Structure formats: C-alpha cells, structure tokens
Amino acid sequence: MASDPKKQIYFQKMLTCEQLPIDLFSDDYFMSQALRQAVKAYEAEEVPVGAVIVREGRIIARAFNQVETLKDATAHAEILAITQAEQALGDWRLNECDLYVTKEPCPMCAGASVNARVKRVIFGCGDPRGGGAGGLLNILQLPTLNHRCDITSGVREEECGRLLKNFFSEKR
C-alpha cells in the first residue's frame, strides 16, 4: 500500500496545511499531527485513526490504531496515546491535556478519556452510528460521571473523513 506513488502524493497533498503562517498552537495544527498518525495506520493496513495528546502546547504522546498489528481489540489510537501520555507524565491524571483524534472516539475510548481526566477531546469526523462523544452516545459529558471532557468537533473534518472513506472503499 505505502509503496504506491499515487498514494504517497495523495497523502502529501492531504497533509499540507494551506494556511500561512502555521499557528503551532492551533487545533488545526495538532489535528494535522493526528492525521500524520492516521496515515501511518493506513499504511500499516489498520483503520486509519490517529491521535496526539497535547499539554501546555507540546505533544506528549502520538499513536495510531494497531488493533490488527498487536492482535488487541483495545489497541485504538486514543488508548495507546493515553497510556503513552500517562507514562510521560508519571501520572494517570491527564487533566491538563487535550486529546486530538481524527475520528470521534468510540464508547471505550471516550470512557478511557473520562477516566484519565482528559480536559478536552478534539476530533475530526463524527461517527453517528458508534461514536461516544455525541454521535451515538455522549459519554464524555455524562452528568453522573465524576469528570466531563470539553468537546470540539469537526476540526479538519473533510480530510479525516476522506482518509477513512478511501481506506474502506479499498477494502471492499
């Protein structure tokens, strides 16, 4: 998959930020970094979802889906990034961190975000049939839980959605 020159050009064009100058502290910039992770998943023939975790304007974790590679149903980009961020901080509480992910988190990943006390979850494209951040359910803001995450949706939505659509159209 990755050796196809047309795909390499497509990925380069997709990840090129057209705004000048680039704001290195914007949601757009950090989502571009999550998209880079999603491309790695795509190239590894994993569902192309990527995630980064940011604290005080600095990326402290990067991950992409590795369910097939690791033979682990829980190896979603968000779970791997949360684990990496916790290790980087030496604490399970990520209350000063933002999670950027290319697709709306599933219920498992939304629950992990709440449990890790993530401050804000920013995602690209929604998942109306299975999303845990407002698509199917909104686990991130359930009033009965002891923590709620702020949500920002639709950041680079078109690019995030296109990557998933291309991946699944190739698989069918």
N, C-alpha and C. Protein backbone atom coordinates (compact mmCIF):
# COMPACT_ATOMS: atom_id res chain seq x y z
N MET A 1 0.81 -1.20 0.00
CA MET A 1 0.00 0.00 0.00
C MET A 1 0.85 1.26 0.00
N ALA A 2 1.81 1.34 0.89
CA ALA A 2 2.60 2.55 1.06
C ALA A 2 3.52 2.82 -0.12
N SER A 3 3.85 1.78 -0.90
CA SER A 3 4.79 1.98 -2.00
C SER A 3 4.14 2.56 -3.25
N ASP A 4 2.84 2.69 -3.29
CA ASP A 4 2.13 3.24 -4.43
C ASP A 4 2.42 4.74 -4.52
N PRO A 5 3.10 5.20 -5.59
CA PRO A 5 3.45 6.62 -5.70
C PRO A 5 2.24 7.55 -5.71
N LYS A 6 1.12 7.14 -6.29
CA LYS A 6 -0.08 7.97 -6.31
C LYS A 6 -0.59 8.20 -4.90
N LYS A 7 -0.54 7.17 -4.06
CA LYS A 7 -0.98 7.32 -2.68
C LYS A 7 -0.04 8.22 -1.90
N GLN A 8 1.25 8.11 -2.15
CA GLN A 8 2.21 8.97 -1.46
C GLN A 8 1.95 10.43 -1.79
N ILE A 9 1.68 10.73 -3.06
CA ILE A 9 1.37 12.11 -3.47
C ILE A 9 0.07 12.55 -2.82
N TYR A 10 -0.93 11.65 -2.79
CA TYR A 10 -2.22 11.98 -2.16
C TYR A 10 -2.00 12.32 -0.69
N PHE A 11 -1.24 11.52 0.03
CA PHE A 11 -1.01 11.76 1.45
C PHE A 11 -0.26 13.08 1.65
N GLN A 12 0.73 13.36 0.80
CA GLN A 12 1.48 14.61 0.93
C GLN A 12 0.56 15.81 0.72
N LYS A 13 -0.30 15.75 -0.29
CA LYS A 13 -1.24 16.85 -0.54
C LYS A 13 -2.23 16.99 0.60
N MET A 14 -2.72 15.85 1.10
CA MET A 14 -3.72 15.88 2.16
C MET A 14 -3.17 16.51 3.43
N LEU A 15 -1.92 16.27 3.73
CA LEU A 15 -1.34 16.73 4.99
C LEU A 15 -0.70 18.11 4.89
N THR A 16 -0.73 18.71 3.70
CA THR A 16 -0.17 20.04 3.55
C THR A 16 -1.14 21.07 4.09
N CYS A 17 -0.69 21.83 5.03
CA CYS A 17 -1.54 22.88 5.60
C CYS A 17 -1.48 24.08 4.67
N GLU A 18 -2.62 24.58 4.27
CA GLU A 18 -2.65 25.66 3.29
C GLU A 18 -2.63 27.03 3.91
N GLN A 19 -2.73 27.10 5.23
CA GLN A 19 -2.69 28.39 5.88
C GLN A 19 -1.24 28.81 6.10
N LEU A 20 -0.97 30.06 5.84
CA LEU A 20 0.36 30.59 6.12
C LEU A 20 0.19 31.84 6.95
N PRO A 21 0.90 32.06 7.99
CA PRO A 21 1.80 31.11 8.62
C PRO A 21 1.02 30.08 9.45
N ILE A 22 1.67 28.98 9.75
CA ILE A 22 1.05 27.93 10.55
C ILE A 22 1.11 28.32 12.02
N ASP A 23 -0.03 28.24 12.68
CA ASP A 23 -0.10 28.51 14.11
C ASP A 23 0.18 27.20 14.84
N LEU A 24 1.36 27.10 15.44
CA LEU A 24 1.78 25.86 16.07
C LEU A 24 1.02 25.53 17.36
N PHE A 25 0.09 26.35 17.75
CA PHE A 25 -0.70 26.08 18.95
C PHE A 25 -2.19 25.99 18.64
N SER A 26 -2.52 25.82 17.37
CA SER A 26 -3.93 25.78 16.97
C SER A 26 -4.45 24.35 16.91
N ASP A 27 -5.76 24.21 17.01
CA ASP A 27 -6.39 22.90 16.85
C ASP A 27 -6.07 22.33 15.48
N ASP A 28 -6.04 23.19 14.46
CA ASP A 28 -5.74 22.75 13.09
C ASP A 28 -4.36 22.10 13.03
N TYR A 29 -3.38 22.73 13.64
CA TYR A 29 -2.01 22.19 13.62
C TYR A 29 -1.95 20.83 14.32
N PHE A 30 -2.50 20.74 15.52
CA PHE A 30 -2.42 19.49 16.26
C PHE A 30 -3.22 18.38 15.57
N MET A 31 -4.33 18.74 14.89
CA MET A 31 -5.07 17.72 14.14
C MET A 31 -4.24 17.25 12.94
N SER A 32 -3.44 18.14 12.36
CA SER A 32 -2.56 17.70 11.27
C SER A 32 -1.58 16.65 11.77
N GLN A 33 -1.15 16.78 13.01
CA GLN A 33 -0.25 15.78 13.59
C GLN A 33 -0.98 14.46 13.84
N ALA A 34 -2.24 14.53 14.24
CA ALA A 34 -3.05 13.32 14.39
C ALA A 34 -3.29 12.67 13.03
N LEU A 35 -3.49 13.49 11.99
CA LEU A 35 -3.65 12.96 10.64
C LEU A 35 -2.39 12.23 10.17
N ARG A 36 -1.24 12.73 10.55
CA ARG A 36 0.01 12.03 10.21
C ARG A 36 0.03 10.63 10.82
N GLN A 37 -0.47 10.53 12.04
CA GLN A 37 -0.56 9.22 12.69
C GLN A 37 -1.58 8.33 11.97
N ALA A 38 -2.68 8.90 11.54
CA ALA A 38 -3.70 8.14 10.81
C ALA A 38 -3.14 7.59 9.50
N VAL A 39 -2.31 8.36 8.84
CA VAL A 39 -1.67 7.89 7.61
C VAL A 39 -0.78 6.69 7.91
N LYS A 40 -0.09 6.72 9.03
CA LYS A 40 0.74 5.56 9.43
C LYS A 40 -0.14 4.32 9.62
N ALA A 41 -1.30 4.50 10.22
CA ALA A 41 -2.23 3.38 10.39
C ALA A 41 -2.67 2.86 9.02
N TYR A 42 -3.02 3.77 8.13
CA TYR A 42 -3.45 3.41 6.77
C TYR A 42 -2.37 2.58 6.09
N GLU A 43 -1.14 3.04 6.18
CA GLU A 43 -0.02 2.34 5.54
C GLU A 43 0.23 0.97 6.16
N ALA A 44 -0.14 0.79 7.42
CA ALA A 44 0.01 -0.49 8.11
C ALA A 44 -1.25 -1.36 7.93
N GLU A 45 -2.18 -0.89 7.08
CA GLU A 45 -3.43 -1.58 6.81
C GLU A 45 -4.31 -1.71 8.05
N GLU A 46 -4.21 -0.70 8.91
CA GLU A 46 -5.08 -0.57 10.08
C GLU A 46 -6.14 0.48 9.75
N VAL A 47 -7.26 0.45 10.45
CA VAL A 47 -8.25 1.51 10.27
C VAL A 47 -7.54 2.83 10.57
N PRO A 48 -7.56 3.78 9.62
CA PRO A 48 -6.74 4.99 9.74
C PRO A 48 -7.27 6.03 10.74
N VAL A 49 -6.96 5.79 11.99
CA VAL A 49 -7.27 6.74 13.05
C VAL A 49 -5.97 7.06 13.76
N GLY A 50 -5.73 8.34 13.96
CA GLY A 50 -4.53 8.78 14.66
C GLY A 50 -4.90 9.70 15.80
N ALA A 51 -4.02 9.76 16.80
CA ALA A 51 -4.27 10.60 17.97
C ALA A 51 -2.97 11.20 18.48
N VAL A 52 -3.09 12.41 19.01
CA VAL A 52 -1.98 13.03 19.75
C VAL A 52 -2.56 13.63 21.02
N ILE A 53 -1.73 13.68 22.04
CA ILE A 53 -2.12 14.32 23.30
C ILE A 53 -1.18 15.49 23.53
N VAL A 54 -1.78 16.63 23.86
CA VAL A 54 -1.05 17.89 23.99
C VAL A 54 -1.20 18.41 25.42
N ARG A 55 -0.08 18.86 25.98
CA ARG A 55 -0.09 19.50 27.30
C ARG A 55 0.75 20.77 27.19
N GLU A 56 0.16 21.88 27.57
CA GLU A 56 0.85 23.17 27.54
C GLU A 56 1.49 23.45 26.18
N GLY A 57 0.75 23.16 25.11
CA GLY A 57 1.20 23.45 23.76
C GLY A 57 2.25 22.50 23.20
N ARG A 58 2.52 21.41 23.91
CA ARG A 58 3.54 20.44 23.48
C ARG A 58 2.93 19.05 23.34
N ILE A 59 3.23 18.37 22.25
CA ILE A 59 2.74 17.00 22.06
C ILE A 59 3.54 16.08 22.99
N ILE A 60 2.81 15.35 23.84
CA ILE A 60 3.49 14.42 24.76
C ILE A 60 3.21 12.96 24.40
N ALA A 61 2.30 12.71 23.44
CA ALA A 61 2.01 11.34 23.03
C ALA A 61 1.48 11.34 21.60
N ARG A 62 1.85 10.31 20.85
CA ARG A 62 1.38 10.13 19.47
C ARG A 62 1.09 8.65 19.28
N ALA A 63 -0.02 8.36 18.63
CA ALA A 63 -0.35 6.95 18.40
C ALA A 63 -1.32 6.81 17.23
N PHE A 64 -1.38 5.60 16.71
CA PHE A 64 -2.35 5.26 15.67
C PHE A 64 -2.91 3.88 15.97
N ASN A 65 -4.04 3.57 15.35
CA ASN A 65 -4.68 2.27 15.57
C ASN A 65 -3.70 1.14 15.27
N GLN A 66 -3.67 0.14 16.16
CA GLN A 66 -2.80 -1.03 15.97
C GLN A 66 -3.51 -2.31 16.38
N VAL A 67 -4.82 -2.34 16.18
CA VAL A 67 -5.62 -3.49 16.57
C VAL A 67 -5.13 -4.76 15.87
N GLU A 68 -4.97 -4.70 14.56
CA GLU A 68 -4.53 -5.88 13.78
C GLU A 68 -3.08 -6.23 14.07
N THR A 69 -2.24 -5.23 14.12
CA THR A 69 -0.81 -5.45 14.36
C THR A 69 -0.55 -6.13 15.70
N LEU A 70 -1.21 -5.61 16.74
CA LEU A 70 -0.99 -6.13 18.10
C LEU A 70 -1.96 -7.25 18.47
N LYS A 71 -2.93 -7.52 17.58
CA LYS A 71 -3.96 -8.53 17.87
C LYS A 71 -4.63 -8.22 19.21
N ASP A 72 -5.03 -6.95 19.36
CA ASP A 72 -5.59 -6.46 20.61
C ASP A 72 -6.74 -5.52 20.30
N ALA A 73 -7.95 -5.91 20.68
CA ALA A 73 -9.14 -5.11 20.39
C ALA A 73 -9.10 -3.74 21.06
N THR A 74 -8.29 -3.58 22.09
CA THR A 74 -8.21 -2.29 22.79
C THR A 74 -7.10 -1.38 22.26
N ALA A 75 -6.40 -1.79 21.23
CA ALA A 75 -5.26 -1.01 20.72
C ALA A 75 -5.71 0.11 19.78
N HIS A 76 -6.70 0.87 20.22
CA HIS A 76 -7.14 2.05 19.47
C HIS A 76 -6.13 3.17 19.69
N ALA A 77 -6.09 4.09 18.75
CA ALA A 77 -5.14 5.21 18.81
C ALA A 77 -5.26 5.97 20.13
N GLU A 78 -6.51 6.24 20.56
CA GLU A 78 -6.72 7.01 21.78
C GLU A 78 -6.18 6.29 23.02
N ILE A 79 -6.44 5.00 23.12
CA ILE A 79 -5.99 4.21 24.28
C ILE A 79 -4.47 4.19 24.32
N LEU A 80 -3.84 3.95 23.17
CA LEU A 80 -2.38 3.91 23.12
C LEU A 80 -1.78 5.27 23.47
N ALA A 81 -2.41 6.34 22.98
CA ALA A 81 -1.92 7.69 23.28
C ALA A 81 -2.10 8.03 24.76
N ILE A 82 -3.23 7.65 25.34
CA ILE A 82 -3.46 7.91 26.76
C ILE A 82 -2.42 7.20 27.60
N THR A 83 -2.15 5.94 27.30
CA THR A 83 -1.14 5.18 28.04
C THR A 83 0.23 5.84 27.92
N GLN A 84 0.57 6.26 26.71
CA GLN A 84 1.86 6.91 26.47
C GLN A 84 1.97 8.23 27.24
N ALA A 85 0.89 9.01 27.24
CA ALA A 85 0.89 10.30 27.95
C ALA A 85 1.02 10.09 29.46
N GLU A 86 0.32 9.09 29.98
CA GLU A 86 0.42 8.79 31.42
C GLU A 86 1.84 8.43 31.80
N GLN A 87 2.49 7.66 30.94
CA GLN A 87 3.89 7.30 31.20
C GLN A 87 4.79 8.52 31.13
N ALA A 88 4.54 9.39 30.17
CA ALA A 88 5.36 10.60 30.01
C ALA A 88 5.23 11.51 31.23
N LEU A 89 4.04 11.59 31.80
CA LEU A 89 3.80 12.47 32.94
C LEU A 89 4.05 11.79 34.28
N GLY A 90 4.10 10.46 34.27
CA GLY A 90 4.25 9.74 35.53
C GLY A 90 3.00 9.82 36.39
N ASP A 91 1.85 9.97 35.76
CA ASP A 91 0.58 10.11 36.48
C ASP A 91 -0.55 9.66 35.56
N TRP A 92 -1.59 9.08 36.11
CA TRP A 92 -2.72 8.66 35.29
C TRP A 92 -3.68 9.81 35.02
N ARG A 93 -3.54 10.90 35.73
CA ARG A 93 -4.43 12.05 35.55
C ARG A 93 -3.90 12.95 34.44
N LEU A 94 -4.72 13.12 33.42
CA LEU A 94 -4.34 13.96 32.27
C LEU A 94 -5.20 15.22 32.23
N ASN A 95 -5.49 15.78 33.41
CA ASN A 95 -6.44 16.88 33.49
C ASN A 95 -5.95 18.19 32.87
N GLU A 96 -4.70 18.28 32.51
CA GLU A 96 -4.20 19.47 31.81
C GLU A 96 -3.88 19.16 30.35
N CYS A 97 -4.47 18.07 29.85
CA CYS A 97 -4.15 17.60 28.50
C CYS A 97 -5.35 17.62 27.57
N ASP A 98 -5.07 17.81 26.29
CA ASP A 98 -6.06 17.76 25.24
C ASP A 98 -5.75 16.57 24.34
N LEU A 99 -6.79 15.83 23.98
CA LEU A 99 -6.67 14.68 23.08
C LEU A 99 -7.20 15.07 21.71
N TYR A 100 -6.36 14.98 20.70
CA TYR A 100 -6.75 15.21 19.31
C TYR A 100 -6.83 13.86 18.62
N VAL A 101 -7.96 13.58 17.99
CA VAL A 101 -8.15 12.30 17.31
C VAL A 101 -8.92 12.53 16.02
N THR A 102 -8.55 11.79 14.99
CA THR A 102 -9.11 12.05 13.66
C THR A 102 -10.56 11.61 13.51
N LYS A 103 -11.02 10.67 14.32
CA LYS A 103 -12.41 10.20 14.28
C LYS A 103 -12.99 10.25 15.68
N GLU A 104 -14.26 10.54 15.76
CA GLU A 104 -14.94 10.58 17.06
C GLU A 104 -14.63 9.31 17.85
N PRO A 105 -14.22 9.45 19.10
CA PRO A 105 -13.89 8.27 19.90
C PRO A 105 -15.09 7.33 20.08
N CYS A 106 -14.80 6.04 20.08
CA CYS A 106 -15.82 5.04 20.37
C CYS A 106 -16.15 5.09 21.87
N PRO A 107 -17.17 4.39 22.31
CA PRO A 107 -17.50 4.41 23.73
C PRO A 107 -16.34 3.98 24.64
N MET A 108 -15.55 2.99 24.23
CA MET A 108 -14.41 2.56 25.04
C MET A 108 -13.40 3.70 25.20
N CYS A 109 -13.07 4.35 24.12
CA CYS A 109 -12.07 5.41 24.15
C CYS A 109 -12.61 6.66 24.85
N ALA A 110 -13.88 6.93 24.68
CA ALA A 110 -14.49 8.05 25.40
C ALA A 110 -14.45 7.78 26.90
N GLY A 111 -14.76 6.56 27.30
CA GLY A 111 -14.70 6.20 28.72
C GLY A 111 -13.29 6.31 29.27
N ALA A 112 -12.31 5.89 28.49
CA ALA A 112 -10.91 6.00 28.93
C ALA A 112 -10.51 7.47 29.07
N SER A 113 -11.00 8.32 28.20
CA SER A 113 -10.70 9.75 28.27
C SER A 113 -11.28 10.36 29.55
N VAL A 114 -12.49 9.96 29.89
CA VAL A 114 -13.11 10.45 31.13
C VAL A 114 -12.32 9.93 32.33
N ASN A 115 -12.01 8.64 32.33
CA ASN A 115 -11.29 8.06 33.46
C ASN A 115 -9.90 8.66 33.65
N ALA A 116 -9.26 9.05 32.55
CA ALA A 116 -7.93 9.67 32.62
C ALA A 116 -8.02 11.18 32.89
N ARG A 117 -9.24 11.70 32.98
CA ARG A 117 -9.49 13.11 33.29
C ARG A 117 -8.97 14.06 32.20
N VAL A 118 -9.03 13.62 30.93
CA VAL A 118 -8.62 14.48 29.82
C VAL A 118 -9.47 15.75 29.85
N LYS A 119 -8.82 16.89 29.68
CA LYS A 119 -9.52 18.18 29.74
C LYS A 119 -10.45 18.37 28.55
N ARG A 120 -9.92 18.13 27.35
CA ARG A 120 -10.68 18.41 26.13
C ARG A 120 -10.40 17.35 25.10
N VAL A 121 -11.44 16.92 24.38
CA VAL A 121 -11.30 15.97 23.28
C VAL A 121 -11.69 16.71 22.00
N ILE A 122 -10.76 16.72 21.05
CA ILE A 122 -10.96 17.40 19.77
C ILE A 122 -10.92 16.32 18.70
N PHE A 123 -11.98 16.23 17.89
CA PHE A 123 -11.95 15.20 16.85
C PHE A 123 -12.31 15.77 15.49
N GLY A 124 -11.92 15.01 14.46
CA GLY A 124 -12.16 15.43 13.08
C GLY A 124 -13.56 15.07 12.64
N CYS A 125 -13.75 13.84 12.19
CA CYS A 125 -15.07 13.45 11.69
C CYS A 125 -15.85 12.68 12.75
N GLY A 126 -17.15 12.87 12.72
CA GLY A 126 -18.03 12.21 13.67
C GLY A 126 -18.32 10.78 13.28
N ASP A 127 -18.93 10.05 14.20
CA ASP A 127 -19.35 8.67 13.97
C ASP A 127 -20.77 8.51 14.52
N PRO A 128 -21.78 8.85 13.70
CA PRO A 128 -23.15 8.83 14.18
C PRO A 128 -23.65 7.44 14.61
N ARG A 129 -23.05 6.38 14.09
CA ARG A 129 -23.51 5.03 14.43
C ARG A 129 -22.78 4.42 15.62
N GLY A 130 -21.61 4.94 15.98
CA GLY A 130 -20.86 4.30 17.06
C GLY A 130 -20.03 5.24 17.91
N GLY A 131 -20.20 6.53 17.75
CA GLY A 131 -19.37 7.49 18.47
C GLY A 131 -19.79 7.67 19.92
N GLY A 132 -18.80 7.88 20.77
CA GLY A 132 -19.03 8.08 22.19
C GLY A 132 -18.88 9.51 22.65
N ALA A 133 -18.84 10.44 21.67
CA ALA A 133 -18.68 11.86 22.00
C ALA A 133 -19.81 12.68 21.39
N GLY A 134 -20.99 12.08 21.31
CA GLY A 134 -22.15 12.79 20.79
C GLY A 134 -22.76 12.13 19.58
N GLY A 135 -22.06 11.22 18.92
CA GLY A 135 -22.61 10.54 17.75
C GLY A 135 -23.74 9.61 18.15
N LEU A 136 -23.40 8.50 18.76
CA LEU A 136 -24.38 7.55 19.28
C LEU A 136 -24.72 7.88 20.73
N LEU A 137 -23.68 8.13 21.50
CA LEU A 137 -23.78 8.46 22.93
C LEU A 137 -22.87 9.65 23.20
N ASN A 138 -23.02 10.25 24.36
CA ASN A 138 -22.07 11.28 24.76
C ASN A 138 -21.52 10.93 26.14
N ILE A 139 -20.63 9.97 26.15
CA ILE A 139 -20.00 9.51 27.39
C ILE A 139 -19.11 10.60 27.98
N LEU A 140 -18.54 11.43 27.11
CA LEU A 140 -17.61 12.46 27.58
C LEU A 140 -18.26 13.49 28.49
N GLN A 141 -19.57 13.61 28.41
CA GLN A 141 -20.25 14.64 29.21
C GLN A 141 -21.44 14.10 30.00
N LEU A 142 -21.39 12.84 30.38
CA LEU A 142 -22.47 12.28 31.19
C LEU A 142 -22.47 12.96 32.56
N PRO A 143 -23.58 13.51 32.96
CA PRO A 143 -23.62 14.26 34.23
C PRO A 143 -23.41 13.38 35.46
N THR A 144 -23.63 12.07 35.34
CA THR A 144 -23.47 11.19 36.51
C THR A 144 -22.02 10.77 36.75
N LEU A 145 -21.15 11.03 35.81
CA LEU A 145 -19.74 10.66 35.99
C LEU A 145 -19.01 11.77 36.75
N ASN A 146 -17.88 11.40 37.34
CA ASN A 146 -17.15 12.38 38.18
C ASN A 146 -16.28 13.34 37.38
N HIS A 147 -16.19 13.16 36.07
CA HIS A 147 -15.42 14.08 35.22
C HIS A 147 -16.13 14.20 33.88
N ARG A 148 -16.04 15.38 33.31
CA ARG A 148 -16.56 15.62 31.97
C ARG A 148 -15.48 16.30 31.14
N CYS A 149 -15.38 15.87 29.89
CA CYS A 149 -14.42 16.46 28.96
C CYS A 149 -15.12 17.48 28.08
N ASP A 150 -14.46 18.59 27.81
CA ASP A 150 -14.95 19.53 26.81
C ASP A 150 -14.77 18.87 25.44
N ILE A 151 -15.63 19.21 24.50
CA ILE A 151 -15.59 18.61 23.16
C ILE A 151 -15.51 19.70 22.11
N THR A 152 -14.61 19.50 21.14
CA THR A 152 -14.56 20.31 19.92
C THR A 152 -14.59 19.32 18.76
N SER A 153 -15.57 19.45 17.90
CA SER A 153 -15.69 18.51 16.78
C SER A 153 -15.52 19.23 15.44
N GLY A 154 -15.27 18.44 14.40
CA GLY A 154 -15.21 18.96 13.04
C GLY A 154 -13.91 19.62 12.63
N VAL A 155 -12.83 19.42 13.40
CA VAL A 155 -11.54 20.01 13.04
C VAL A 155 -10.91 19.17 11.93
N ARG A 156 -10.73 19.79 10.78
CA ARG A 156 -10.21 19.11 9.57
C ARG A 156 -11.07 17.89 9.22
N GLU A 157 -12.35 18.09 9.41
CA GLU A 157 -13.33 17.01 9.24
C GLU A 157 -13.26 16.36 7.86
N GLU A 158 -13.18 17.16 6.83
CA GLU A 158 -13.18 16.62 5.46
C GLU A 158 -11.99 15.68 5.24
N GLU A 159 -10.80 16.11 5.64
CA GLU A 159 -9.61 15.27 5.44
C GLU A 159 -9.68 13.98 6.25
N CYS A 160 -10.14 14.11 7.48
CA CYS A 160 -10.24 12.93 8.35
C CYS A 160 -11.23 11.93 7.77
N GLY A 161 -12.38 12.42 7.33
CA GLY A 161 -13.40 11.56 6.75
C GLY A 161 -12.96 10.93 5.44
N ARG A 162 -12.29 11.72 4.61
CA ARG A 162 -11.83 11.22 3.32
C ARG A 162 -10.85 10.06 3.49
N LEU A 163 -9.96 10.17 4.45
CA LEU A 163 -8.98 9.11 4.69
C LEU A 163 -9.69 7.81 5.05
N LEU A 164 -10.69 7.88 5.92
CA LEU A 164 -11.45 6.69 6.30
C LEU A 164 -12.24 6.13 5.11
N LYS A 165 -12.89 7.00 4.35
CA LYS A 165 -13.67 6.55 3.19
C LYS A 165 -12.77 5.85 2.17
N ASN A 166 -11.62 6.43 1.89
CA ASN A 166 -10.69 5.81 0.93
C ASN A 166 -10.23 4.45 1.42
N PHE A 167 -9.92 4.35 2.69
CA PHE A 167 -9.46 3.08 3.27
C PHE A 167 -10.53 2.00 3.09
N PHE A 168 -11.77 2.31 3.48
CA PHE A 168 -12.83 1.31 3.41
C PHE A 168 -13.25 1.01 1.99
N SER A 169 -13.16 1.97 1.08
CA SER A 169 -13.50 1.68 -0.31
C SER A 169 -12.48 0.73 -0.94
N GLU A 170 -11.23 0.83 -0.52
CA GLU A 170 -10.20 -0.10 -1.00
C GLU A 170 -10.41 -1.51 -0.46
N LYS A 171 -10.94 -1.60 0.75
CA LYS A 171 -11.14 -2.91 1.40
C LYS A 171 -12.33 -3.65 0.80
N ARG A 172 -13.28 -2.93 0.20
CA ARG A 172 -14.50 -3.57 -0.33
C ARG A 172 -14.33 -4.03 -1.74
